[in-house]
């Protein structure tokens, strides 16, 4: 297997440990204990070596530790994992190395400085809210003061690229509260802000509470105003709105996540991690025990499914239209042999008349109002 265009690797490492499950979260995670950590770390090193044999000499361009809560890992575990990656692959000069952290587990200055020594150059803090009542509702293990403290500690440790994650569209949240949160976030002056509309995932406690009528989410109109007004405010403060949920100071867009949206190959390591490599996709087991058993057999990717040309084309359109750069119409024609605007002439005309799309510099882009209803638009497009 070879990577498209001889590219380097974008590597995601899933760390499946959390102190406790947040009420809105559907990602795979389990409580941290030393036995599970040892099993996980050993299996992860086996997986790294497996892909090192598959992609000899390939350099890692971006590395992302996500979860779960990577900041729960002891320093020795992070060093061991990164050390294995360095032994098996090379790290590209200027490699972006992102490490996710929760404020409650990012309060050790020595640990933060050690992350920088290991090579981490981008810290992503899962703040979610700066309102204590909201944080309790979400089941977050920190309060607003703890979030601010973690941010300042990271700065003092030497991090020059910090992103903060927030949720909007929360039960009980109003536009004024959301804008107040953003204003406080901007005062902290992070390089990056991720602002995700709450998705009520089936099977999560928060979704069950809403279904039972115990919580009342904002109306669709209120959520629309939060999205548009919030994005406008952040842009007025110098944050480029480069993807539906992501804003960055100039030069600080996430290179790793941009690779996903551009449809580039990526390698996912760890339980539940997904990989897309050379047109094939597979997902690791969502269980540490089954993941460790797979690592012992060395059969990673044995159940991979090949993406059909139609699936690849559909993903190209869907991912490109998530970004404010939009869909490159010439690239679409080169891949499909078709004219996207001609195939969707009637729909595109209606969308333009309603201010939902614009066409410029050979790209079809969704406007802010278009991004807000992107799922509806994407469902009606012909690929």
Protein backbone atom coordinates (compact mmCIF):
# COMPACT_ATOMS: atom_id res chain seq x y z
CA UNK A 1 0.00 0.00 0.00
CA UNK A 2 1.29 3.45 -0.91
CA UNK A 3 0.06 6.86 0.10
CA UNK A 4 -1.55 9.19 -2.41
CA UNK A 5 1.03 11.31 -4.18
CA UNK A 6 3.86 10.08 -1.98
CA UNK A 7 2.54 12.21 0.88
CA UNK A 8 3.61 12.00 4.47
CA UNK A 9 1.35 10.60 7.14
CA UNK A 10 -1.28 12.38 9.18
CA UNK A 11 -1.49 10.29 12.35
CA UNK A 12 -4.22 10.29 14.96
CA UNK A 13 -3.66 8.48 18.27
CA UNK A 14 -6.83 7.72 20.23
CA UNK A 15 -6.37 7.77 23.99
CA UNK A 16 -9.45 6.00 25.38
CA UNK A 17 -9.29 7.13 29.01
CA UNK A 18 -11.44 9.63 30.91
CA UNK A 19 -12.05 10.38 34.58
CA UNK A 20 -15.76 10.00 33.88
CA UNK A 21 -18.01 10.05 30.83
CA UNK A 22 -19.42 13.49 30.02
CA UNK A 23 -23.18 13.48 29.56
CA UNK A 24 -23.06 14.41 25.86
CA UNK A 25 -20.14 12.22 24.73
CA UNK A 26 -20.45 9.19 22.44
CA UNK A 27 -16.74 8.65 21.79
CA UNK A 28 -15.18 5.44 23.06
CA UNK A 29 -13.61 5.92 26.48
CA UNK A 30 -13.18 4.03 29.75
CA UNK A 31 -11.95 4.94 33.25
CA UNK A 32 -8.17 5.00 33.58
CA UNK A 33 -6.46 2.25 35.54
CA UNK A 34 -2.87 1.08 35.35
CA UNK A 35 -3.68 -2.42 34.10
CA UNK A 36 -5.76 -1.08 31.20
CA UNK A 37 -3.09 1.51 30.47
CA UNK A 38 -0.37 -1.13 30.21
CA UNK A 39 -2.51 -3.27 27.89
CA UNK A 40 -3.33 -0.23 25.75
CA UNK A 41 0.27 1.01 25.55
CA UNK A 42 1.64 -2.41 24.58
CA UNK A 43 -1.00 -2.89 21.88
CA UNK A 44 -0.42 0.63 20.56
CA UNK A 45 3.32 0.00 20.20
CA UNK A 46 2.56 -3.18 18.25
CA UNK A 47 0.24 -1.24 15.95
CA UNK A 48 2.85 1.46 15.38
CA UNK A 49 5.43 -1.15 14.42
CA UNK A 50 2.90 -2.82 12.08
CA UNK A 51 2.39 0.38 10.11
CA UNK A 52 6.08 1.15 10.20
CA UNK A 53 6.63 -2.04 8.20
CA UNK A 54 3.81 -1.11 5.84
CA UNK A 55 5.06 2.43 5.23
CA UNK A 56 8.85 2.24 5.56
CA UNK A 57 10.61 5.57 5.40
CA UNK A 58 7.42 7.63 5.50
CA UNK A 59 7.51 10.83 7.55
CA UNK A 60 4.73 12.00 9.84
CA UNK A 61 3.47 15.45 8.83
CA UNK A 62 0.89 15.94 11.58
CA UNK A 63 0.41 14.03 14.82
CA UNK A 64 -2.71 14.36 16.95
CA UNK A 65 -3.35 12.80 20.37
CA UNK A 66 -7.11 12.86 20.97
CA UNK A 67 -9.62 11.02 23.06
CA UNK A 68 -10.78 10.47 25.60
CA UNK A 69 -8.43 12.58 27.66
CA UNK A 70 -4.78 12.36 26.59
CA UNK A 71 -3.75 14.62 29.48
CA UNK A 72 -4.66 11.79 31.88
CA UNK A 73 -1.71 9.78 30.56
CA UNK A 74 1.34 9.76 32.81
CA UNK A 75 4.42 11.33 31.28
CA UNK A 76 6.14 7.94 30.91
CA UNK A 77 3.29 6.66 28.73
CA UNK A 78 3.37 9.69 26.42
CA UNK A 79 7.16 9.41 26.13
CA UNK A 80 6.94 5.69 25.38
CA UNK A 81 4.33 6.16 22.63
CA UNK A 82 6.09 9.11 21.01
CA UNK A 83 9.41 7.31 21.29
CA UNK A 84 8.00 4.33 19.39
CA UNK A 85 6.65 6.63 16.68
CA UNK A 86 10.07 8.28 16.36
CA UNK A 87 11.81 4.91 16.10
CA UNK A 88 9.46 3.64 13.40
CA UNK A 89 8.79 6.81 11.41
CA UNK A 90 10.56 10.10 10.94
CA UNK A 91 8.99 13.40 11.99
CA UNK A 92 8.79 16.00 9.23
CA UNK A 93 10.51 19.32 9.95
CA UNK A 94 7.86 21.64 11.34
CA UNK A 95 5.50 18.74 12.13
CA UNK A 96 2.32 19.89 13.85
CA UNK A 97 1.88 17.91 17.07
CA UNK A 98 -1.48 18.48 18.77
CA UNK A 99 -2.30 17.20 22.24
CA UNK A 100 -5.82 17.35 23.66
CA UNK A 101 -6.22 18.13 27.34
CA UNK A 102 -9.00 18.69 29.83
CA UNK A 103 -8.51 21.63 32.21
CA UNK A 104 -8.73 19.42 35.31
CA UNK A 105 -5.83 17.24 34.14
CA UNK A 106 -3.66 20.01 32.66
CA UNK A 107 -2.65 21.74 35.88
CA UNK A 108 0.80 20.22 36.35
CA UNK A 109 3.35 22.73 35.04
CA UNK A 110 6.08 20.07 34.96
CA UNK A 111 3.89 17.79 32.81
CA UNK A 112 3.05 20.64 30.43
CA UNK A 113 6.70 21.57 30.01
CA UNK A 114 7.57 17.92 29.44
CA UNK A 115 4.98 17.77 26.62
CA UNK A 116 6.83 20.61 24.91
CA UNK A 117 10.14 18.79 25.36
CA UNK A 118 8.59 15.66 23.82
CA UNK A 119 7.61 17.72 20.76
CA UNK A 120 4.02 18.84 21.35
CA UNK A 121 3.60 22.30 19.81
CA UNK A 122 -0.18 22.70 19.81
CA UNK A 123 -2.42 22.27 22.86
CA UNK A 124 -6.20 21.83 22.52
CA UNK A 125 -8.08 22.51 25.77
CA UNK A 126 -11.59 21.09 26.11
CA UNK A 127 -13.22 23.99 27.95
CA UNK A 128 -16.78 23.59 26.52
CA UNK A 129 -18.21 26.40 28.68
CA UNK A 130 -17.18 29.14 31.07
CA UNK A 131 -20.43 28.91 33.02
CA UNK A 132 -20.28 26.69 36.09
CA UNK A 133 -23.93 25.64 35.97
CA UNK A 134 -23.54 24.60 32.34
CA UNK A 135 -20.35 22.69 33.10
CA UNK A 136 -22.18 20.74 35.83
CA UNK A 137 -25.02 19.98 33.41
CA UNK A 138 -22.54 18.65 30.86
CA UNK A 139 -20.82 16.49 33.47
CA UNK A 140 -17.48 18.23 33.03
CA UNK A 141 -14.92 17.60 35.79
CA UNK A 142 -13.74 21.23 35.96
CA UNK A 143 -15.19 24.66 36.65
CA UNK A 144 -14.67 27.96 34.84
CA UNK A 145 -11.86 29.05 37.13
CA UNK A 146 -10.11 25.75 36.51
CA UNK A 147 -10.36 26.26 32.75
CA UNK A 148 -8.82 29.71 32.96
CA UNK A 149 -6.10 28.43 35.28
CA UNK A 150 -5.20 25.59 32.88
CA UNK A 151 -4.95 28.07 30.01
CA UNK A 152 -2.60 30.39 31.91
CA UNK A 153 -0.47 27.47 33.12
CA UNK A 154 -0.09 26.29 29.51
CA UNK A 155 1.05 29.76 28.50
CA UNK A 156 3.54 29.89 31.35
CA UNK A 157 4.83 26.44 30.37
CA UNK A 158 5.68 27.82 26.92
CA UNK A 159 2.81 26.86 24.62
CA UNK A 160 2.56 29.42 21.79
CA UNK A 161 -0.33 27.69 20.01
CA UNK A 162 -3.39 26.97 22.17
CA UNK A 163 -6.88 26.11 21.01
CA UNK A 164 -10.01 26.21 23.14
CA UNK A 165 -13.08 24.04 22.45
CA UNK A 166 -16.61 25.23 23.23
CA UNK A 167 -20.18 23.97 22.78
CA UNK A 168 -23.18 26.06 21.78
CA UNK A 169 -26.88 25.25 21.39
CA UNK A 170 -26.93 23.85 24.93
CA UNK A 171 -30.11 23.37 26.98
CA UNK A 172 -30.89 26.62 28.76
CA UNK A 173 -28.35 28.59 26.71
CA UNK A 174 -29.32 31.89 25.09
CA UNK A 175 -27.64 34.12 22.53
CA UNK A 176 -26.51 36.63 25.16
CA UNK A 177 -24.85 33.89 27.20
CA UNK A 178 -23.10 32.43 24.15
CA UNK A 179 -21.77 35.81 23.07
CA UNK A 180 -20.58 36.49 26.62
CA UNK A 181 -18.69 33.18 26.57
CA UNK A 182 -17.03 34.09 23.27
CA UNK A 183 -16.06 37.53 24.54
CA UNK A 184 -14.39 36.00 27.58
CA UNK A 185 -12.66 33.43 25.37
CA UNK A 186 -11.33 36.19 23.09
CA UNK A 187 -9.99 38.08 26.11
CA UNK A 188 -7.83 35.03 26.84
CA UNK A 189 -6.41 35.41 23.30
CA UNK A 190 -6.06 31.77 22.17
CA UNK A 191 -4.74 31.11 18.68
CA UNK A 192 -7.65 28.82 17.79
CA UNK A 193 -11.29 28.36 18.77
CA UNK A 194 -13.48 25.34 17.97
CA UNK A 195 -17.18 26.05 18.48
CA UNK A 196 -19.35 22.97 18.05
CA UNK A 197 -23.11 22.94 17.94
CA UNK A 198 -24.33 20.37 20.46
CA UNK A 199 -25.33 17.08 18.87
CA UNK A 200 -27.62 14.95 21.02
CA UNK A 201 -26.07 11.55 20.46
CA UNK A 202 -28.40 8.56 20.96
CA UNK A 203 -27.65 6.66 24.14
CA UNK A 204 -26.04 9.57 25.96
CA UNK A 205 -27.48 10.82 29.28
CA UNK A 206 -28.02 14.32 27.90
CA UNK A 207 -30.07 13.00 24.97
CA UNK A 208 -32.15 10.91 27.38
CA UNK A 209 -32.81 13.97 29.56
CA UNK A 210 -33.99 15.97 26.54
CA UNK A 211 -36.17 13.08 25.32
CA UNK A 212 -37.75 12.85 28.79
CA UNK A 213 -38.57 16.56 28.72
CA UNK A 214 -36.21 17.35 31.60
CA UNK A 215 -34.16 19.75 29.48
CA UNK A 216 -35.22 22.20 26.79
CA UNK A 217 -32.71 22.91 23.99
CA UNK A 218 -32.81 26.31 22.27
CA UNK A 219 -35.16 26.65 19.32
CA UNK A 220 -33.77 26.23 15.80
CA UNK A 221 -34.10 30.00 15.29
CA UNK A 222 -32.13 30.69 18.47
CA UNK A 223 -29.45 28.21 17.49
CA UNK A 224 -29.19 29.77 14.04
CA UNK A 225 -28.64 33.17 15.62
CA UNK A 226 -25.98 31.74 17.95
CA UNK A 227 -24.09 30.30 15.00
CA UNK A 228 -24.26 33.36 12.75
CA UNK A 229 -23.79 36.05 15.39
CA UNK A 230 -21.04 34.07 17.10
CA UNK A 231 -19.14 33.61 13.85
CA UNK A 232 -19.51 37.28 12.98
CA UNK A 233 -18.17 38.31 16.38
CA UNK A 234 -15.13 36.03 16.17
CA UNK A 235 -14.32 37.27 12.67
CA UNK A 236 -14.54 40.86 13.93
CA UNK A 237 -11.91 39.91 16.52
CA UNK A 238 -9.46 38.59 13.93
CA UNK A 239 -10.36 34.90 13.88
CA UNK A 240 -10.64 33.42 10.38
CA UNK A 241 -13.73 31.23 10.03
CA UNK A 242 -12.12 28.46 7.99
CA UNK A 243 -14.47 25.52 8.65
CA UNK A 244 -18.02 25.21 9.96
CA UNK A 245 -16.92 24.91 13.59
CA UNK A 246 -13.37 26.28 13.52
CA UNK A 247 -11.79 29.71 13.81
CA UNK A 248 -8.12 30.65 13.90
CA UNK A 249 -5.73 33.56 13.98
CA UNK A 250 -3.82 33.93 10.72
CA UNK A 251 -1.41 31.03 10.35
CA UNK A 252 -2.92 28.94 13.16
CA UNK A 253 -5.50 26.79 11.36
CA UNK A 254 -5.28 23.12 12.33
CA UNK A 255 -3.17 21.45 9.66
CA UNK A 256 -4.17 18.01 10.89
CA UNK A 257 -7.92 18.60 10.68
CA UNK A 258 -7.54 20.46 7.41
CA UNK A 259 -6.07 17.24 6.02
CA UNK A 260 -9.34 15.46 6.86
CA UNK A 261 -11.42 18.12 5.13
CA UNK A 262 -9.20 18.02 2.07
CA UNK A 263 -9.75 14.27 1.83
CA UNK A 264 -6.12 13.33 2.46
CA UNK A 265 -4.96 9.97 3.78
CA UNK A 266 -4.76 9.53 7.54
CA UNK A 267 -3.73 6.77 9.92
CA UNK A 268 -5.72 6.20 13.09
CA UNK A 269 -4.04 4.34 15.95
CA UNK A 270 -5.69 2.98 19.08
CA UNK A 271 -9.09 1.46 19.91
CA UNK A 272 -11.97 2.88 17.82
CA UNK A 273 -9.57 4.87 15.61
CA UNK A 274 -10.45 5.08 11.90
CA UNK A 275 -7.93 5.07 9.03
CA UNK A 276 -8.35 5.99 5.39
CA UNK A 277 -5.33 4.89 3.38
CA UNK A 278 -4.96 4.64 -0.39
CA UNK A 279 -8.72 4.45 -0.90
CA UNK A 280 -9.37 1.89 1.83
CA UNK A 281 -11.03 2.54 5.21
CA UNK A 282 -11.18 0.55 8.41
CA UNK A 283 -11.96 1.08 12.09
CA UNK A 284 -10.22 -0.53 15.03
CA UNK A 285 -12.34 -2.36 17.65
CA UNK A 286 -14.12 -0.10 20.16
CA UNK A 287 -12.78 -2.09 23.10
CA UNK A 288 -9.30 -2.20 24.61
CA UNK A 289 -9.36 -5.98 25.06
CA UNK A 290 -10.40 -6.69 21.47
CA UNK A 291 -7.96 -4.06 20.22
CA UNK A 292 -5.13 -5.75 22.14
CA UNK A 293 -6.11 -9.14 20.70
CA UNK A 294 -6.01 -7.68 17.20
CA UNK A 295 -2.58 -6.21 17.91
CA UNK A 296 -1.28 -9.64 18.90
CA UNK A 297 -2.42 -11.13 15.57
CA UNK A 298 -1.11 -8.19 13.53
CA UNK A 299 -4.22 -8.19 11.35
CA UNK A 300 -4.83 -4.45 11.34
CA UNK A 301 -6.94 -3.39 8.37
CA UNK A 302 -7.88 -6.94 7.40
CA UNK A 303 -11.54 -5.90 7.26
CA UNK A 304 -10.89 -2.66 5.38
CA UNK A 305 -13.47 -1.65 2.80
CA UNK A 306 -12.49 -0.03 -0.47
CA UNK A 307 -14.19 3.29 -1.14
CA UNK A 308 -15.97 3.30 -4.47
CA UNK A 309 -15.36 6.21 -6.88
CA UNK A 310 -18.88 7.44 -6.12
CA UNK A 311 -18.24 7.34 -2.35
CA UNK A 312 -14.92 9.16 -2.72
CA UNK A 313 -16.53 11.83 -4.88
CA UNK A 314 -19.40 12.29 -2.42
CA UNK A 315 -16.96 12.69 0.45
CA UNK A 316 -14.91 15.19 -1.56
CA UNK A 317 -17.97 17.40 -1.98
CA UNK A 318 -19.26 17.01 1.57
CA UNK A 319 -15.89 17.73 3.19
CA UNK A 320 -15.01 20.64 0.91
CA UNK A 321 -18.34 22.35 1.55
CA UNK A 322 -17.70 22.19 5.30
CA UNK A 323 -14.86 24.65 4.75
CA UNK A 324 -15.11 28.31 3.84
CA UNK A 325 -12.71 27.64 0.97
CA UNK A 326 -15.44 25.54 -0.61
CA UNK A 327 -15.50 23.07 -3.48
CA UNK A 328 -12.85 23.44 -6.19
CA UNK A 329 -14.98 23.06 -9.31
CA UNK A 330 -12.03 22.26 -11.58
CA UNK A 331 -10.82 19.55 -9.22
CA UNK A 332 -14.32 18.08 -9.17
CA UNK A 333 -14.41 18.00 -12.97
CA UNK A 334 -10.95 16.41 -13.12
CA UNK A 335 -12.02 13.62 -10.77
CA UNK A 336 -15.54 13.00 -12.08
CA UNK A 337 -15.46 14.17 -15.70
CA UNK A 338 -18.65 16.15 -14.98
CA UNK A 339 -19.64 19.77 -14.51
CA UNK A 340 -20.90 20.23 -10.95
CA UNK A 341 -22.71 23.50 -11.65
CA UNK A 342 -24.45 22.08 -14.71
CA UNK A 343 -25.51 18.90 -12.86
CA UNK A 344 -26.96 21.02 -10.03
CA UNK A 345 -27.99 24.08 -12.03
CA UNK A 346 -31.52 24.46 -10.67
CA UNK A 347 -30.58 23.88 -7.04
CA UNK A 348 -27.52 26.15 -7.19
CA UNK A 349 -29.65 28.91 -8.73
CA UNK A 350 -32.15 28.65 -5.89
CA UNK A 351 -29.41 28.57 -3.26
CA UNK A 352 -27.76 31.67 -4.71
CA UNK A 353 -31.06 33.54 -4.81
CA UNK A 354 -31.54 32.74 -1.12
CA UNK A 355 -28.03 33.78 -0.14
CA UNK A 356 -26.94 30.26 0.81
CA UNK A 357 -24.07 29.80 -1.68
CA UNK A 358 -21.70 31.96 -3.65
CA UNK A 359 -19.34 31.20 -6.52
CA UNK A 360 -15.98 32.92 -6.81
CA UNK A 361 -12.45 32.10 -8.00
CA UNK A 362 -13.58 28.71 -9.32
CA UNK A 363 -15.03 27.59 -5.99
CA UNK A 364 -18.57 26.97 -4.79
CA UNK A 365 -18.86 28.11 -1.17
CA UNK A 366 -21.62 27.99 1.38
CA UNK A 367 -22.37 31.31 3.07
CA UNK A 368 -22.75 31.45 6.86
CA UNK A 369 -26.47 30.84 6.49
CA UNK A 370 -25.66 28.05 4.06
CA UNK A 371 -23.24 26.42 6.50
CA UNK A 372 -26.01 26.48 9.07
CA UNK A 373 -28.21 24.26 6.87
CA UNK A 374 -25.37 22.40 5.17
CA UNK A 375 -26.83 18.95 5.91
CA UNK A 376 -30.03 19.81 4.07
CA UNK A 377 -28.12 21.25 1.12
CA UNK A 378 -25.73 18.30 0.87
CA UNK A 379 -28.63 15.85 0.90
CA UNK A 380 -30.11 17.52 -2.22
CA UNK A 381 -26.95 17.84 -4.31
CA UNK A 382 -26.22 15.49 -7.21
CA UNK A 383 -22.62 14.19 -7.10
